[in-house]
Protein backbone atom coordinates (compact mmCIF):
# COMPACT_ATOMS: atom_id res chain seq x y z
CA MET A 1 151.24 167.27 90.45
CA ILE A 2 149.76 164.30 88.89
CA ASP A 3 148.12 166.08 86.51
CA LYS A 4 151.14 167.59 85.28
CA LEU A 5 152.65 164.15 84.89
CA ILE A 6 149.43 163.14 82.82
CA GLU A 7 149.91 165.77 80.70
CA LYS A 8 152.97 165.62 80.05
CA THR A 9 152.48 161.29 78.89
CA ASN A 10 150.33 162.37 76.73
CA SER A 11 152.25 165.35 74.30
CA PHE A 12 152.90 165.14 70.98
CA GLU A 13 156.75 164.77 71.84
CA PHE A 14 156.80 162.62 74.99
CA TYR A 15 154.88 159.90 72.60
CA HIS A 16 157.59 160.11 69.86
CA ASN A 17 160.14 160.67 72.32
CA GLY A 18 159.52 160.04 75.28
CA GLN A 19 159.49 155.99 77.89
CA PHE A 20 159.32 155.52 81.53
CA ASN A 21 161.16 153.18 83.22
CA LEU A 22 160.67 151.85 86.72
CA THR A 23 163.47 152.24 88.86
CA LYS A 24 161.90 151.47 92.45
CA LEU A 25 158.95 149.96 94.03
CA LYS A 26 157.82 149.91 97.69
CA GLY A 27 155.17 149.79 100.12
CA GLN A 28 152.70 147.10 99.70
CA ILE A 29 149.20 146.63 98.88
CA GLY A 30 145.90 147.00 101.07
CA PRO A 31 143.61 149.17 102.58
CA PHE A 32 145.18 152.04 104.36
CA ASN A 33 148.66 151.09 102.89
CA LYS A 34 150.16 153.29 99.89
CA MET A 35 152.44 152.22 97.14
CA GLU A 36 155.47 154.05 96.02
CA PHE A 37 156.20 154.14 91.99
CA ASN A 38 159.64 155.95 91.22
CA PHE A 39 160.19 156.58 87.50
CA ILE A 40 162.92 158.11 85.37
CA VAL A 41 160.77 159.71 82.71
CA GLU A 42 163.28 160.54 80.16
CA GLU A 43 162.73 162.72 76.39
CA ARG A 44 165.51 162.25 73.76
CA ASP A 45 166.02 164.20 70.59
CA ASP A 46 165.33 162.74 67.03
CA PHE A 47 168.72 161.26 67.05
CA GLY A 48 168.22 158.99 70.21
CA LYS A 49 170.19 161.00 72.36
CA ILE A 50 168.57 162.45 76.05
CA LYS A 51 167.60 165.57 76.08
CA GLU A 52 165.60 166.16 79.80
CA ALA A 53 165.37 162.80 82.01
CA ASP A 54 163.26 163.21 85.38
CA HIS A 55 162.64 161.28 88.18
CA TRP A 56 159.61 160.65 89.47
CA ARG A 57 157.67 159.52 92.75
CA LEU A 58 154.09 158.26 92.28
CA ILE A 59 152.29 157.45 95.39
CA ALA A 60 148.96 155.32 94.58
CA HIS A 61 146.81 154.91 98.32
CA ASN A 62 144.57 151.96 99.11
CA THR A 63 146.76 150.05 96.18
CA ILE A 64 144.33 147.00 95.52
CA LYS A 65 146.45 145.65 92.21
CA PHE A 66 148.79 146.90 89.77
CA ARG A 67 149.89 144.88 86.75
CA GLY A 68 153.06 145.46 83.54
CA LEU A 69 154.82 147.90 85.60
CA PHE A 70 158.37 145.68 85.61
CA SER A 71 157.99 146.32 81.75
CA GLU A 72 161.41 146.47 80.04
CA GLN A 73 159.28 148.83 77.51
CA TYR A 74 156.16 150.34 77.91
CA LEU A 75 155.31 152.00 74.17
CA PRO A 76 153.40 152.46 72.90
CA TYR A 77 151.64 152.27 76.27
CA ILE A 78 152.73 155.97 77.71
CA LYS A 79 149.91 158.17 78.31
CA LEU A 80 148.66 158.10 81.33
CA LYS A 81 145.45 158.71 82.14
CA ILE A 82 143.05 158.23 85.07
CA LEU A 83 139.37 156.70 84.91
CA ASN A 84 136.75 156.06 87.22
CA GLU A 85 134.74 153.41 85.37
CA HIS A 86 136.25 150.99 83.55
CA PRO A 87 135.78 146.97 83.56
CA LEU A 88 138.91 146.28 86.30
CA LEU A 89 137.00 148.79 88.32
CA TRP A 90 133.45 146.89 88.24
CA THR A 91 134.36 144.33 91.29
CA PHE A 92 134.74 147.41 93.41
CA HIS A 93 131.68 149.47 92.23
CA LYS A 94 129.15 147.26 90.99
CA ASN A 95 126.81 144.76 92.92
CA GLU A 96 127.46 141.14 92.96
CA LEU A 97 124.93 138.68 91.83
CA GLU A 98 124.80 135.26 92.99
CA CYS A 99 123.71 133.16 90.36
CA GLU A 100 122.37 129.77 89.03
CA LEU A 101 122.21 128.14 85.50
CA ILE A 102 119.78 125.54 85.27
CA GLY A 103 119.98 123.17 82.57
CA TYR A 104 122.75 121.66 79.86
CA PRO A 105 123.88 123.28 76.69
CA GLN A 106 123.35 120.54 74.06
CA ASN A 107 126.38 122.59 72.64
CA PRO A 108 128.89 123.27 75.12
CA SER A 109 131.85 124.29 72.37
CA GLU A 110 129.23 126.90 71.44
CA PHE A 111 128.08 128.02 74.15
CA ILE A 112 131.70 128.50 75.39
CA GLY A 113 132.62 129.97 72.62
CA ASP A 114 129.49 132.62 72.87
CA LEU A 115 129.91 133.53 76.46
CA PHE A 116 133.62 134.15 74.82
CA PHE A 117 132.34 136.82 72.74
CA ALA A 118 129.89 137.85 75.28
CA TYR A 119 132.49 139.01 77.27
CA GLU A 120 134.76 140.43 75.32
CA GLN A 121 132.10 142.75 73.96
CA LYS A 122 130.70 143.66 76.87
CA ALA A 123 134.02 143.79 79.20
CA GLY A 124 136.90 144.18 76.04
CA ASN A 125 138.61 140.89 77.51
CA TRP A 126 139.90 142.71 80.95
CA ILE A 127 137.50 139.98 82.82
CA GLU A 128 138.31 135.95 81.79
CA LEU A 129 135.79 133.79 80.88
CA ASN A 130 137.62 131.27 83.12
CA ARG A 131 136.93 133.63 86.10
CA HIS A 132 133.45 132.22 86.42
CA PHE A 133 133.10 129.22 83.78
CA PHE A 134 134.87 126.24 84.88
CA SER A 135 134.57 122.45 85.22
CA ILE A 136 132.44 122.30 82.47
CA LYS A 137 132.67 118.91 82.34
CA GLU A 138 133.37 117.82 85.89
CA TYR A 139 130.58 119.68 87.42
CA TYR A 140 128.45 121.03 85.15
CA GLN A 141 127.15 118.46 83.11
CA GLN A 142 127.37 116.09 86.12
CA ASN A 143 124.76 118.15 88.18
CA GLY A 144 122.74 119.72 85.44
CA LYS A 145 122.98 123.21 86.96
CA MET A 146 126.18 125.91 88.12
CA ASN A 147 126.70 128.46 90.55
CA LEU A 148 128.77 131.59 89.75
CA GLY A 149 129.12 134.73 90.95
CA ILE A 150 129.25 138.17 88.99
CA THR A 151 129.43 141.47 88.75
CA ALA A 152 126.17 143.31 87.96
CA PRO A 153 127.48 144.58 84.42
CA LEU A 154 127.93 140.41 82.92
CA ALA A 155 124.12 139.37 83.60
CA GLU A 156 122.47 140.58 80.49
CA PRO A 157 125.17 139.12 78.08
CA ILE A 158 125.26 136.02 80.25
CA ARG A 159 121.70 136.04 80.22
CA GLN A 160 121.07 136.24 76.61
CA VAL A 161 123.36 133.99 75.50
CA CYS A 162 121.18 131.31 78.37
CA GLU A 163 118.71 132.10 76.47
CA LYS A 164 119.90 131.58 72.65
CA HIS A 165 121.12 127.72 74.58
CA GLY A 166 117.55 127.29 76.45
CA ILE A 167 119.13 127.28 79.43
CA GLU A 168 117.67 128.72 82.54
CA PHE A 169 119.61 131.88 83.74
CA ASN A 170 118.05 133.15 87.74
CA VAL A 171 119.72 135.86 90.12
CA GLU A 172 118.95 134.49 93.42
CA ASN A 173 121.06 137.21 95.37
CA VAL A 174 122.56 140.08 95.34
CA ILE A 175 125.16 141.41 97.53
CA LYS A 176 125.20 145.59 97.41
CA ASP A 177 127.56 148.18 99.35
CA TYR A 178 129.39 147.35 102.40
CA GLY A 179 127.85 143.38 102.28
CA LYS A 180 130.25 142.68 99.66
CA GLY A 181 132.99 143.25 102.74
CA ASN A 182 136.69 144.15 100.69
CA ALA A 183 135.17 144.16 96.95
CA TYR A 184 133.22 147.38 98.36
CA ARG A 185 135.76 150.43 97.40
CA PRO A 186 133.61 153.01 95.70
CA ASP A 187 136.46 155.31 95.40
CA ALA A 188 139.04 152.96 93.94
CA LYS A 189 140.53 154.48 90.20
CA LEU A 190 142.43 153.04 88.05
CA LEU A 191 145.60 154.41 86.30
CA ILE A 192 146.10 153.06 83.13
CA PHE A 193 149.54 153.75 80.44
CA GLY A 194 147.22 153.41 77.71
CA ASN A 195 146.88 154.67 74.41
CA GLU A 196 143.84 155.08 72.58
CA ASP A 197 145.40 155.63 69.08
CA VAL A 198 146.53 152.02 69.69
CA SER A 199 143.53 150.71 72.04
CA PRO A 200 140.66 152.10 73.74
CA HIS A 201 141.18 151.98 77.66
CA ASP A 202 138.38 149.47 77.97
CA PHE A 203 140.10 147.02 75.84
CA ASN A 204 143.01 144.84 77.10
CA LEU A 205 145.62 144.87 74.98
CA ARG A 206 148.20 143.68 78.43
CA GLN A 207 148.25 147.67 78.81
CA PRO A 208 150.45 148.71 82.27
CA TYR A 209 147.76 149.91 85.01
CA ILE A 210 147.10 150.21 88.77
CA ILE A 211 144.08 150.00 90.80
CA ALA A 212 143.61 152.38 93.95
CA ASP A 213 141.79 154.68 96.16
CA GLU A 214 144.01 158.37 95.31
CA PHE A 215 147.24 159.15 93.27
CA ILE A 216 149.89 161.62 93.68
CA ALA A 217 152.80 162.45 92.02
CA ASN A 218 155.62 164.44 92.40
CA LYS A 219 159.00 165.13 90.38
CA LYS A 220 162.11 164.74 92.95
């Protein structure tokens, strides 16, 4: 029944007069575990009076991560959608690259700024720059080189910025599939509480989401 819940939240009527409330959460994150999210899904009339309130149980199997579900108000992000391709899934779907940067930029502030915009353009702010680039002066400047591990889709944007700033960018190793250990989750999916009228799903505006291998929903 997850399809019915998704269809309901994407309806014109629900967007204008509906809302979610998380009432209970149980379970734990991890492989072979499941998490259960209990919601009250309400619809109101034009005067704000509740005309329908259903209790839904959403079960996420092999839950990896979730964010933003404790919000008091989900609006405008109340339109559910399951995605199989998304920057948040790159860690679990794409190859991991072990890279080396040789040479320190003459203008480190401009270098970091260019990287920030490259990350924003490629990954829509879902992946933060400081996840990979940190200790710039304490380590990178002192050594004149640095190592970083990134997902494959970020390689070309970083390479282009490095080329602009005269830095050599080398991929030293490619880690694939089961070599990634627990990060290899080819069945991982993203259930996003979004609204493409406000923002595309691939741009981060703090939309709530759940990452898991499978989603099941039923009305209680």
